């Protein structure tokens, strides 16, 4: 199942067109090539297969994160981490 959990941009590498994002405590690098607007540190983005696809409002992001956190509380630590990674990197 693909879950696009809102991720907060924590740093940007303009030369490589990538960003480090934080998805509920899990940080990783994603491509930002597909976003038309300039991505800024602090923006919330939705990710699909390793690329940020669009920027969403902080209000919408925080509302979604709250729901995901409720789901994740029912999982153990390894299940949580894997669900976050797998959810944003699905291929089909």
Protein backbone atom coordinates (compact mmCIF):
# COMPACT_ATOMS: atom_id res chain seq x y z
CA UNK A 1 0.00 0.00 0.00
CA UNK A 2 1.29 3.48 -0.83
CA UNK A 3 0.99 6.04 1.94
CA UNK A 4 2.24 9.48 1.20
CA UNK A 5 3.01 10.73 4.68
CA UNK A 6 3.76 14.46 4.79
CA UNK A 7 7.48 15.05 5.25
CA UNK A 8 9.13 18.25 6.45
CA UNK A 9 12.08 19.60 4.48
CA UNK A 10 15.06 20.05 6.83
CA UNK A 11 17.80 20.88 4.29
CA UNK A 12 18.23 21.41 0.56
CA UNK A 13 21.10 20.70 -1.82
CA UNK A 14 20.31 22.84 -4.87
CA UNK A 15 23.32 21.54 -6.82
CA UNK A 16 22.05 17.96 -6.59
CA UNK A 17 18.35 18.97 -6.66
CA UNK A 18 17.70 16.99 -3.48
CA UNK A 19 16.40 17.61 0.01
CA UNK A 20 16.67 15.89 3.36
CA UNK A 21 13.18 15.39 4.74
CA UNK A 22 11.89 14.25 8.12
CA UNK A 23 8.95 11.85 8.04
CA UNK A 24 7.74 11.38 11.60
CA UNK A 25 11.32 11.12 12.88
CA UNK A 26 12.82 9.22 9.92
CA UNK A 27 15.18 11.34 7.81
CA UNK A 28 16.19 10.58 4.25
CA UNK A 29 17.16 12.19 0.97
CA UNK A 30 14.58 12.76 -1.77
CA UNK A 31 14.65 14.32 -5.22
CA UNK A 32 12.92 17.67 -5.66
CA UNK A 33 13.06 17.80 -9.48
CA UNK A 34 9.31 17.41 -9.97
CA UNK A 35 8.08 20.33 -7.86
CA UNK A 36 7.31 23.41 -9.92
CA UNK A 37 7.56 25.89 -7.03
CA UNK A 38 10.79 26.52 -5.14
CA UNK A 39 11.08 24.15 -2.20
CA UNK A 40 12.14 25.79 1.07
CA UNK A 41 13.37 24.45 4.39
CA UNK A 42 10.27 24.04 6.57
CA UNK A 43 7.94 23.16 3.68
CA UNK A 44 5.90 19.97 3.93
CA UNK A 45 6.02 17.73 0.87
CA UNK A 46 4.41 14.49 -0.27
CA UNK A 47 6.81 11.84 -1.55
CA UNK A 48 6.40 9.05 -4.09
CA UNK A 49 9.17 6.59 -5.00
CA UNK A 50 11.89 8.81 -3.59
CA UNK A 51 10.76 12.12 -5.10
CA UNK A 52 8.88 15.01 -3.54
CA UNK A 53 5.84 15.45 -5.77
CA UNK A 54 4.14 18.50 -4.29
CA UNK A 55 4.14 20.95 -1.40
CA UNK A 56 1.17 20.90 0.97
CA UNK A 57 0.04 23.34 3.62
CA UNK A 58 1.31 23.00 7.16
CA UNK A 59 -2.28 22.69 8.38
CA UNK A 60 -3.03 19.73 6.08
CA UNK A 61 0.34 18.13 6.85
CA UNK A 62 -0.11 18.32 10.62
CA UNK A 63 -3.64 16.94 10.40
CA UNK A 64 -2.43 13.96 8.34
CA UNK A 65 0.57 13.38 10.60
CA UNK A 66 -1.71 13.25 13.64
CA UNK A 67 -3.74 10.42 12.06
CA UNK A 68 -0.59 8.53 11.00
CA UNK A 69 0.85 8.86 14.52
CA UNK A 70 -2.28 7.26 15.95
CA UNK A 71 -1.82 4.30 13.59
CA UNK A 72 1.92 4.07 14.26
CA UNK A 73 1.40 3.98 18.04
CA UNK A 74 -0.15 0.56 17.59
CA UNK A 75 3.06 -0.81 15.98
CA UNK A 76 6.44 -1.71 17.47
CA UNK A 77 9.51 0.42 16.63
CA UNK A 78 10.78 -1.63 13.66
CA UNK A 79 7.28 -1.91 12.15
CA UNK A 80 6.87 1.89 12.45
CA UNK A 81 10.18 2.65 10.76
CA UNK A 82 9.54 0.16 7.96
CA UNK A 83 5.97 1.42 7.39
CA UNK A 84 7.24 4.98 6.99
CA UNK A 85 9.99 3.96 4.55
CA UNK A 86 7.85 1.53 2.55
CA UNK A 87 4.85 3.85 2.44
CA UNK A 88 6.66 6.61 0.59
CA UNK A 89 8.76 4.41 -1.67
CA UNK A 90 6.18 2.05 -3.16
CA UNK A 91 6.36 1.30 -6.84
CA UNK A 92 2.88 0.29 -7.75
